Amino acid sequence: MSTRIVVVGGGTAGLRLAQRLPVTLLGEEPHAPYNRVLLADVLAGRYAPEVIALPAPQEPVRRGVRAVRIDRAARTVECEDGTTVGYDRLVLATGSNPVLPPLRGLRGSQLPSGVHPFRTLDDCLELRALVRPGVRAVVIGGGLLGVSAARALAALGAEVMLTQQGERLMERQLDAHASALLREHVESLGVEVHTECRVSGLRQEDGSVTAVELADGFVLDAQVVVLACGVRPRVGLARDAGLDVRKGIVVDDELRTSDPYIHAIGDCAEHDGRVYGLAGPALEQADALADVLLAQPAAAAANYTGTRALTRLTLGGPVSLDLASFGEATPLPGDDVVQLTDATRRAYRKVVVRGDRLVGGVLLGDLAAVGTLARAWEGDEALPNAPLLHLLTHDGGS
């Protein structure tokens, strides 16, 4: 008798597993599974929603089905529509929720008209319906998601203001120089950037947003507000079932939770104290779990040992800008640093070397060496005895 595998969540991780194994996939969204990385391109009008649909899995996805309770003793999942699904192995791929900041004017999950997170295809389509040339839009959050949203809104002709509480854009991925170049590019798209400013509240009139208030008293008029303040692992289902939850759902090297019949992968999973929140690790975890579930009883599957995640982003405009970052872009005392800057091409490359290991880097504007650098970093192998400059000048393909 075949093993009944049920997957809760139709995002990147859940779909990847369903493409490799025959499973019952419960997807909460009404849409076919899609590539979340390309949502900004849908918002900008570059792609139609159907273009970002992912390849269909082995078995049809049960769309619009929300799992509300796990009965671990009976090994069943109860759904909001009243149905119950039995399992031999359950995989939680519930993803993450957008963080809603504690602002005056925001009450729980009820958002004023014109205020939207930027996490799902529905968020994207609702924003598309609101934005037209001349609309004043404020994006709260200057990380990867906020920068992507600001670029997309500017492409639609909106008057965009991007607010970041930290001192620079994408401060988790970029060093100060790369972030400054990124800011120049974003501003060249017509986006007004405000850093080191804290948003304190929203003004409303008749239930619709009218302005964003900053802590220093400055007010930004707004007809649309996009919340891009990060994400938080979606762990409610697991916590209610009594599974071990910290930042995410705690899993071991077989992606197994504290219940041996339940696994977790993707944005909701915490492995070795880390929650990744990126597509690359989600895909690797799904592949590793597929190997675990396919392994014969006497065979040993290759365990998941973590992912070295590289961040890439392309910002469109009259002149597009590509960037990539990986590892530790800020050196420690004793590290070797190599930098190349080409002001005429608005290109910047930097790597950080610790001993004989590549530990991080940033490339902006020219990604010709990213393939070589990513392989050297991901392999964590000793670097050859050659001048460090060759790391940045070797064109290994991207």
Protein backbone atom coordinates (compact mmCIF):
# COMPACT_ATOMS: atom_id res chain seq x y z
CA MET A 1 0.00 0.00 0.00
CA SER A 2 1.43 3.41 -1.00
CA THR A 3 2.21 6.06 1.60
CA ARG A 4 -0.35 8.85 1.77
CA ILE A 5 1.57 12.14 1.70
CA VAL A 6 -0.38 15.34 2.33
CA VAL A 7 1.22 18.74 1.76
CA VAL A 8 -0.27 21.88 3.28
CA GLY A 9 0.76 24.90 1.21
CA GLY A 10 0.93 25.45 -2.54
CA GLY A 11 3.91 27.81 -2.63
CA THR A 12 7.46 27.22 -3.88
CA ALA A 13 8.37 24.46 -1.42
CA GLY A 14 5.06 22.59 -1.45
CA LEU A 15 4.78 22.58 -5.22
CA ARG A 16 8.37 21.43 -5.72
CA LEU A 17 7.68 18.40 -3.52
CA ALA A 18 4.44 17.72 -5.40
CA GLN A 19 6.33 17.79 -8.69
CA ARG A 20 8.56 14.98 -7.46
CA LEU A 21 6.12 12.82 -5.50
CA PRO A 22 2.43 11.86 -5.79
CA VAL A 23 0.86 13.87 -2.96
CA THR A 24 -2.39 15.51 -1.96
CA LEU A 25 -1.56 19.23 -2.11
CA LEU A 26 -3.82 21.65 -0.23
CA GLY A 27 -3.38 25.18 -1.56
CA GLU A 28 -5.12 28.00 0.27
CA GLU A 29 -4.96 30.47 -2.61
CA PRO A 30 -7.53 30.13 -5.42
CA HIS A 31 -4.84 30.55 -8.09
CA ALA A 32 -2.68 27.85 -9.59
CA PRO A 33 0.74 27.82 -7.85
CA TYR A 34 2.94 30.65 -9.13
CA ASN A 35 6.45 32.04 -8.90
CA ARG A 36 6.33 34.57 -6.06
CA VAL A 37 9.71 35.99 -7.08
CA LEU A 38 8.08 37.48 -10.21
CA LEU A 39 5.21 39.30 -8.47
CA ALA A 40 6.88 42.69 -8.93
CA ASP A 41 6.98 42.06 -12.68
CA VAL A 42 3.25 41.32 -12.67
CA LEU A 43 2.61 44.52 -10.71
CA ALA A 44 4.72 46.51 -13.18
CA GLY A 45 2.72 45.06 -16.09
CA ARG A 46 5.69 43.21 -17.52
CA TYR A 47 4.01 39.80 -17.13
CA ALA A 48 0.41 38.66 -17.10
CA PRO A 49 -0.53 36.57 -14.02
CA GLU A 50 -0.73 33.35 -16.03
CA VAL A 51 2.86 33.78 -17.21
CA ILE A 52 4.25 33.24 -13.70
CA ALA A 53 2.31 29.99 -13.13
CA LEU A 54 4.59 27.10 -12.17
CA PRO A 55 4.59 23.69 -13.91
CA ALA A 56 1.72 21.48 -12.74
CA PRO A 57 2.49 18.76 -10.17
CA GLN A 58 1.85 15.02 -10.61
CA GLU A 59 -1.56 15.27 -8.94
CA PRO A 60 -4.04 18.19 -9.23
CA VAL A 61 -3.81 20.86 -6.54
CA ARG A 62 -6.83 21.29 -4.30
CA ARG A 63 -7.12 25.08 -4.59
CA GLY A 64 -8.84 27.39 -2.15
CA VAL A 65 -8.61 24.84 0.66
CA ARG A 66 -7.46 26.12 4.04
CA ALA A 67 -6.22 23.63 6.62
CA VAL A 68 -7.41 24.64 10.10
CA ARG A 69 -6.48 21.74 12.40
CA ILE A 70 -4.17 18.76 12.61
CA ASP A 71 -5.31 15.71 14.58
CA ARG A 72 -1.98 14.01 15.25
CA ALA A 73 -3.53 10.98 16.97
CA ALA A 74 -5.86 10.23 14.04
CA ARG A 75 -3.33 11.54 11.49
CA THR A 76 -5.83 13.75 9.74
CA VAL A 77 -6.00 17.35 8.55
CA GLU A 78 -9.26 19.21 8.99
CA CYS A 79 -10.09 21.89 6.42
CA GLU A 80 -12.19 25.03 6.64
CA ASP A 81 -14.66 23.63 4.10
CA GLY A 82 -15.49 20.76 6.48
CA THR A 83 -13.50 18.07 4.70
CA THR A 84 -10.96 15.85 6.43
CA VAL A 85 -7.82 14.44 4.77
CA GLY A 86 -5.95 11.46 6.21
CA TYR A 87 -2.17 11.13 5.98
CA ASP A 88 0.70 8.77 6.66
CA ARG A 89 3.19 11.64 6.29
CA LEU A 90 2.21 15.28 6.57
CA VAL A 91 4.35 18.08 5.15
CA LEU A 92 3.81 21.64 6.34
CA ALA A 93 4.81 24.17 3.68
CA THR A 94 2.68 26.98 5.06
CA GLY A 95 5.10 29.75 4.11
CA SER A 96 5.10 33.11 5.83
CA ASN A 97 2.84 36.07 6.54
CA PRO A 98 3.69 39.72 5.90
CA VAL A 99 4.65 41.67 9.00
CA LEU A 100 2.11 44.38 9.76
CA PRO A 101 3.94 47.16 11.62
CA PRO A 102 2.50 48.65 14.84
CA LEU A 103 1.23 51.92 13.39
CA ARG A 104 -1.53 54.26 14.48
CA GLY A 105 -4.38 53.58 12.11
CA LEU A 106 -3.74 49.85 11.76
CA ARG A 107 -6.00 47.63 13.81
CA GLY A 108 -5.21 43.94 13.62
CA SER A 109 -5.51 42.47 10.15
CA GLN A 110 -8.22 44.93 9.04
CA LEU A 111 -6.40 47.33 6.73
CA PRO A 112 -7.80 50.68 5.59
CA SER A 113 -8.75 50.98 1.94
CA GLY A 114 -5.62 51.65 -0.13
CA VAL A 115 -3.27 49.85 2.28
CA HIS A 116 -1.87 46.53 1.08
CA PRO A 117 0.87 44.06 1.92
CA PHE A 118 2.84 42.76 -1.06
CA ARG A 119 3.02 39.02 -0.61
CA THR A 120 0.43 37.25 -2.79
CA LEU A 121 -0.90 37.42 -6.32
CA ASP A 122 -4.15 38.85 -4.97
CA ASP A 123 -2.17 41.65 -3.26
CA CYS A 124 -0.53 42.32 -6.60
CA LEU A 125 -3.78 42.38 -8.59
CA GLU A 126 -5.49 44.64 -6.04
CA LEU A 127 -2.60 47.11 -6.25
CA ARG A 128 -2.72 47.02 -10.05
CA ALA A 129 -6.39 48.01 -9.88
CA LEU A 130 -5.59 51.02 -7.65
CA VAL A 131 -2.49 52.43 -9.28
CA ARG A 132 -2.58 54.72 -12.30
CA PRO A 133 -0.30 57.54 -13.45
CA GLY A 134 -0.07 60.31 -10.87
CA VAL A 135 -1.30 58.29 -7.88
CA ARG A 136 0.78 59.00 -4.78
CA ALA A 137 2.10 55.76 -3.34
CA VAL A 138 4.21 55.22 -0.23
CA VAL A 139 6.17 51.98 0.26
CA ILE A 140 7.05 51.23 3.89
CA GLY A 141 10.21 49.14 4.03
CA GLY A 142 13.45 49.46 2.05
CA GLY A 143 14.49 45.82 1.89
CA LEU A 144 14.43 43.53 -1.12
CA LEU A 145 10.63 43.44 -1.27
CA GLY A 146 10.17 47.18 -0.75
CA VAL A 147 12.68 48.11 -3.43
CA SER A 148 11.00 45.70 -5.87
CA ALA A 149 7.55 47.13 -5.11
CA ALA A 150 8.74 50.73 -5.48
CA ARG A 151 10.28 49.99 -8.86
CA ALA A 152 7.07 48.30 -10.06
CA LEU A 153 4.84 51.17 -8.90
CA ALA A 154 7.10 53.71 -10.59
CA ALA A 155 6.83 51.71 -13.84
CA LEU A 156 3.04 52.20 -13.62
CA GLY A 157 3.51 55.97 -13.45
CA ALA A 158 2.81 56.42 -9.74
CA GLU A 159 4.52 59.10 -7.67
CA VAL A 160 6.42 56.78 -5.35
CA MET A 161 8.03 57.46 -1.96
CA LEU A 162 10.08 54.69 -0.37
CA THR A 163 10.62 54.89 3.40
CA GLN A 164 13.29 52.90 5.24
CA GLN A 165 13.84 52.96 8.99
CA GLY A 166 17.48 51.89 8.62
CA GLU A 167 20.24 54.05 7.29
CA ARG A 168 20.36 52.45 3.84
CA LEU A 169 18.42 50.33 1.36
CA MET A 170 18.72 46.52 1.48
CA GLU A 171 21.05 46.80 4.45
CA ARG A 172 20.83 43.05 5.14
CA GLN A 173 22.29 42.19 1.73
CA LEU A 174 24.42 45.15 0.64
CA ASP A 175 27.35 47.10 2.02
CA ALA A 176 27.25 50.91 2.21
CA HIS A 177 28.78 51.52 -1.25
CA ALA A 178 26.51 49.09 -3.09
CA SER A 179 23.48 50.44 -1.25
CA ALA A 180 24.38 54.00 -2.28
CA LEU A 181 24.57 52.92 -5.92
CA LEU A 182 21.24 51.15 -5.55
CA ARG A 183 19.69 54.31 -4.11
CA GLU A 184 20.96 56.35 -7.06
CA HIS A 185 19.35 53.89 -9.46
CA VAL A 186 16.03 53.79 -7.59
CA GLU A 187 15.91 57.60 -7.52
CA SER A 188 16.67 57.68 -11.26
CA LEU A 189 13.40 55.76 -11.73
CA GLY A 190 11.55 58.67 -10.12
CA VAL A 191 11.27 57.17 -6.62
CA GLU A 192 11.70 59.56 -3.68
CA VAL A 193 13.78 57.72 -1.05
CA HIS A 194 13.62 58.49 2.67
CA THR A 195 16.08 56.60 4.89
CA GLU A 196 16.55 56.78 8.68
CA CYS A 197 12.90 57.67 9.08
CA ARG A 198 10.36 55.81 11.17
CA VAL A 199 6.72 55.64 10.10
CA SER A 200 4.48 56.22 13.12
CA GLY A 201 0.94 56.19 11.74
CA LEU A 202 -1.55 56.38 8.91
CA ARG A 203 -4.13 59.08 8.34
CA GLN A 204 -7.53 58.06 7.06
CA GLU A 205 -10.72 59.63 5.80
CA ASP A 206 -13.93 57.61 5.41
CA GLY A 207 -11.97 54.39 5.82
CA SER A 208 -9.40 55.21 3.11
CA VAL A 209 -5.76 56.09 3.66
CA THR A 210 -4.82 59.71 2.95
CA ALA A 211 -1.31 60.10 4.35
CA VAL A 212 1.63 58.48 6.13
CA GLU A 213 2.93 60.15 9.29
CA LEU A 214 6.62 59.98 10.16
CA ALA A 215 7.95 60.05 13.71
CA ASP A 216 9.65 63.44 13.12
CA GLY A 217 6.27 64.99 12.30
CA PHE A 218 6.70 64.99 8.53
CA VAL A 219 3.62 63.87 6.58
CA LEU A 220 3.60 62.10 3.20
CA ASP A 221 0.32 62.38 1.30
CA ALA A 222 -0.67 58.97 -0.01
CA GLN A 223 -3.53 57.33 -1.87
CA VAL A 224 -1.84 53.92 -1.79
CA VAL A 225 0.41 52.45 0.92
CA VAL A 226 2.39 49.24 0.44
CA LEU A 227 3.57 47.39 3.55
CA ALA A 228 6.91 45.73 2.80
CA CYS A 229 8.17 45.32 6.36
CA GLY A 230 9.35 41.73 6.11
CA VAL A 231 7.69 38.38 6.70
CA ARG A 232 7.13 36.06 9.63
CA PRO A 233 6.97 32.23 9.43
CA ARG A 234 3.40 30.98 9.41
CA VAL A 235 3.38 28.56 12.31
CA GLY A 236 -0.13 28.76 13.82
CA LEU A 237 -1.26 25.38 12.51
CA ALA A 238 1.88 23.71 13.86
CA ARG A 239 1.75 25.47 17.22
CA ASP A 240 -1.91 24.55 17.73
CA ALA A 241 -0.97 20.93 17.03
CA GLY A 242 1.64 21.01 19.78
CA LEU A 243 4.72 20.85 17.53
CA ASP A 244 8.01 22.41 18.60
CA VAL A 245 7.97 26.01 17.33
CA ARG A 246 10.57 28.75 17.92
CA LYS A 247 11.07 31.32 15.17
CA GLY A 248 9.76 28.69 12.75
CA ILE A 249 8.66 25.05 12.93
CA VAL A 250 11.73 23.27 14.25
CA VAL A 251 13.03 20.49 11.96
CA ASP A 252 16.01 18.13 11.99
CA ASP A 253 18.28 17.09 9.13
CA GLU A 254 15.46 14.98 7.64
CA LEU A 255 13.17 18.03 7.76
CA ARG A 256 11.21 16.19 10.46
CA THR A 257 9.35 18.07 13.18
CA SER A 258 8.93 16.97 16.80
CA ASP A 259 6.27 14.57 15.46
CA PRO A 260 8.00 11.82 13.42
CA TYR A 261 5.11 11.70 10.94
CA ILE A 262 5.16 15.45 10.18
CA HIS A 263 7.78 17.40 8.21
CA ALA A 264 8.15 21.11 7.45
CA ILE A 265 9.89 22.87 4.55
CA GLY A 266 10.23 26.38 3.13
CA ASP A 267 9.61 29.71 4.82
CA CYS A 268 7.84 28.14 7.81
CA ALA A 269 10.69 25.76 8.71
CA GLU A 270 13.53 26.44 11.14
CA HIS A 271 16.60 24.26 10.58
CA ASP A 272 19.63 24.48 12.84
CA GLY A 273 18.31 27.73 14.31
CA ARG A 274 17.79 29.42 10.94
CA VAL A 275 14.72 30.45 8.95
CA TYR A 276 15.71 31.32 5.38
CA GLY A 277 12.64 32.93 3.81
CA LEU A 278 14.07 32.60 0.29
CA ALA A 279 13.16 30.55 -2.77
CA GLY A 280 16.52 28.80 -3.13
CA PRO A 281 16.52 27.14 0.30
CA ALA A 282 12.83 26.23 -0.09
CA LEU A 283 13.61 24.31 -3.28
CA GLU A 284 16.61 22.58 -1.72
CA GLN A 285 14.59 21.54 1.32
CA ALA A 286 11.81 20.16 -0.89
CA ASP A 287 14.32 18.14 -2.91
CA ALA A 288 16.01 16.85 0.24
CA LEU A 289 12.67 15.80 1.72
CA ALA A 290 11.66 14.06 -1.51
CA ASP A 291 14.85 11.99 -1.26
CA VAL A 292 14.06 11.18 2.38
CA LEU A 293 10.52 10.08 1.57
CA LEU A 294 11.64 8.07 -1.47
CA ALA A 295 14.44 6.25 0.37
CA GLN A 296 14.00 2.55 0.93
CA PRO A 297 13.96 1.43 4.58
CA ALA A 298 17.47 -0.01 4.31
CA ALA A 299 18.85 2.98 2.38
CA ALA A 300 20.14 6.20 3.85
CA ALA A 301 18.95 9.39 2.24
CA ALA A 302 21.26 12.40 2.03
CA ASN A 303 20.31 14.66 4.92
CA TYR A 304 19.68 18.38 4.58
CA THR A 305 22.61 20.31 6.04
CA GLY A 306 21.55 23.88 5.26
CA THR A 307 21.65 26.19 2.26
CA ARG A 308 24.05 28.89 1.22
CA ALA A 309 21.57 31.34 -0.27
CA LEU A 310 22.47 33.87 -2.95
CA THR A 311 20.20 36.90 -3.44
CA ARG A 312 19.66 38.27 -6.94
CA LEU A 313 17.51 41.14 -8.14
CA THR A 314 16.97 42.90 -11.46
CA LEU A 315 15.57 46.42 -11.36
CA GLY A 316 14.10 47.58 -14.65
CA GLY A 317 13.88 51.08 -16.00
CA PRO A 318 15.41 52.99 -18.91
CA VAL A 319 18.66 51.33 -17.83
CA SER A 320 18.19 48.12 -15.83
CA LEU A 321 20.34 47.27 -12.83
CA ASP A 322 21.33 43.75 -11.75
CA LEU A 323 22.63 42.96 -8.30
CA ALA A 324 23.68 39.88 -6.38
CA SER A 325 24.88 39.31 -2.84
CA PHE A 326 25.90 36.30 -0.80
CA GLY A 327 27.38 35.49 2.59
CA GLU A 328 29.04 38.14 4.72
CA ALA A 329 29.49 41.37 2.77
CA THR A 330 30.90 43.22 5.80
CA PRO A 331 34.44 42.10 6.67
CA LEU A 332 35.73 41.23 10.14
CA PRO A 333 39.17 42.37 11.39
CA GLY A 334 41.81 40.35 9.57
CA ASP A 335 39.68 39.57 6.51
CA ASP A 336 40.98 40.33 3.03
CA VAL A 337 38.77 42.53 0.84
CA VAL A 338 38.97 43.07 -2.90
CA GLN A 339 36.88 45.78 -4.57
CA LEU A 340 36.51 46.96 -8.13
CA THR A 341 34.45 50.04 -9.02
CA ASP A 342 33.65 51.31 -12.50
CA ALA A 343 31.86 54.64 -12.10
CA THR A 344 31.18 55.07 -15.83
CA ARG A 345 29.33 51.72 -15.99
CA ARG A 346 27.86 52.10 -12.49
CA ALA A 347 29.37 48.70 -11.68
CA TYR A 348 30.72 47.51 -8.34
CA ARG A 349 32.23 44.19 -7.27
CA LYS A 350 33.49 43.20 -3.84
CA VAL A 351 34.50 39.93 -2.19
CA VAL A 352 35.47 39.13 1.39
CA VAL A 353 38.05 36.38 2.00
CA ARG A 354 38.77 34.88 5.42
CA GLY A 355 41.91 32.79 5.47
CA ASP A 356 41.64 30.67 2.32
CA ARG A 357 37.82 30.78 2.12
CA LEU A 358 35.47 33.10 0.25
CA VAL A 359 32.92 34.20 2.86
CA GLY A 360 30.83 36.78 1.02
CA GLY A 361 30.47 39.29 -1.74
CA VAL A 362 28.41 41.91 -3.52
CA LEU A 363 28.10 42.51 -7.25
CA LEU A 364 26.12 45.36 -8.72
CA GLY A 365 25.74 46.37 -12.37
CA ASP A 366 28.02 43.66 -13.76
CA LEU A 367 27.31 40.05 -12.77
CA ALA A 368 29.74 38.36 -15.18
CA ALA A 369 31.69 36.78 -12.31
CA VAL A 370 28.73 35.77 -10.16
CA GLY A 371 28.67 32.16 -11.37
CA THR A 372 32.33 31.57 -10.47
CA LEU A 373 31.99 33.36 -7.14
CA ALA A 374 28.78 31.54 -6.16
CA ARG A 375 30.36 28.15 -6.86
CA ALA A 376 33.47 29.00 -4.83
CA TRP A 377 31.33 30.20 -1.93
CA GLU A 378 28.76 27.40 -2.03
CA GLY A 379 31.51 24.75 -2.22
CA ASP A 380 33.32 26.27 0.79
CA GLU A 381 36.59 24.98 -0.59
CA ALA A 382 40.08 26.43 -0.23
CA LEU A 383 40.78 29.11 -2.84
CA PRO A 384 43.61 28.53 -5.33
CA ASN A 385 46.95 30.21 -4.69
CA ALA A 386 46.34 33.01 -7.16
CA PRO A 387 45.99 36.77 -6.73
CA LEU A 388 42.63 37.57 -5.12
CA LEU A 389 41.87 39.97 -7.94
CA HIS A 390 41.18 37.01 -10.25
CA LEU A 391 38.01 36.32 -8.24
CA LEU A 392 36.48 39.51 -9.61
CA THR A 393 37.95 39.57 -13.10
CA HIS A 394 37.32 35.95 -14.09
CA ASP A 395 34.22 35.66 -16.26
CA GLY A 396 32.73 32.35 -15.16
CA GLY A 397 29.26 33.05 -16.47
CA SER A 398 26.20 33.93 -14.45
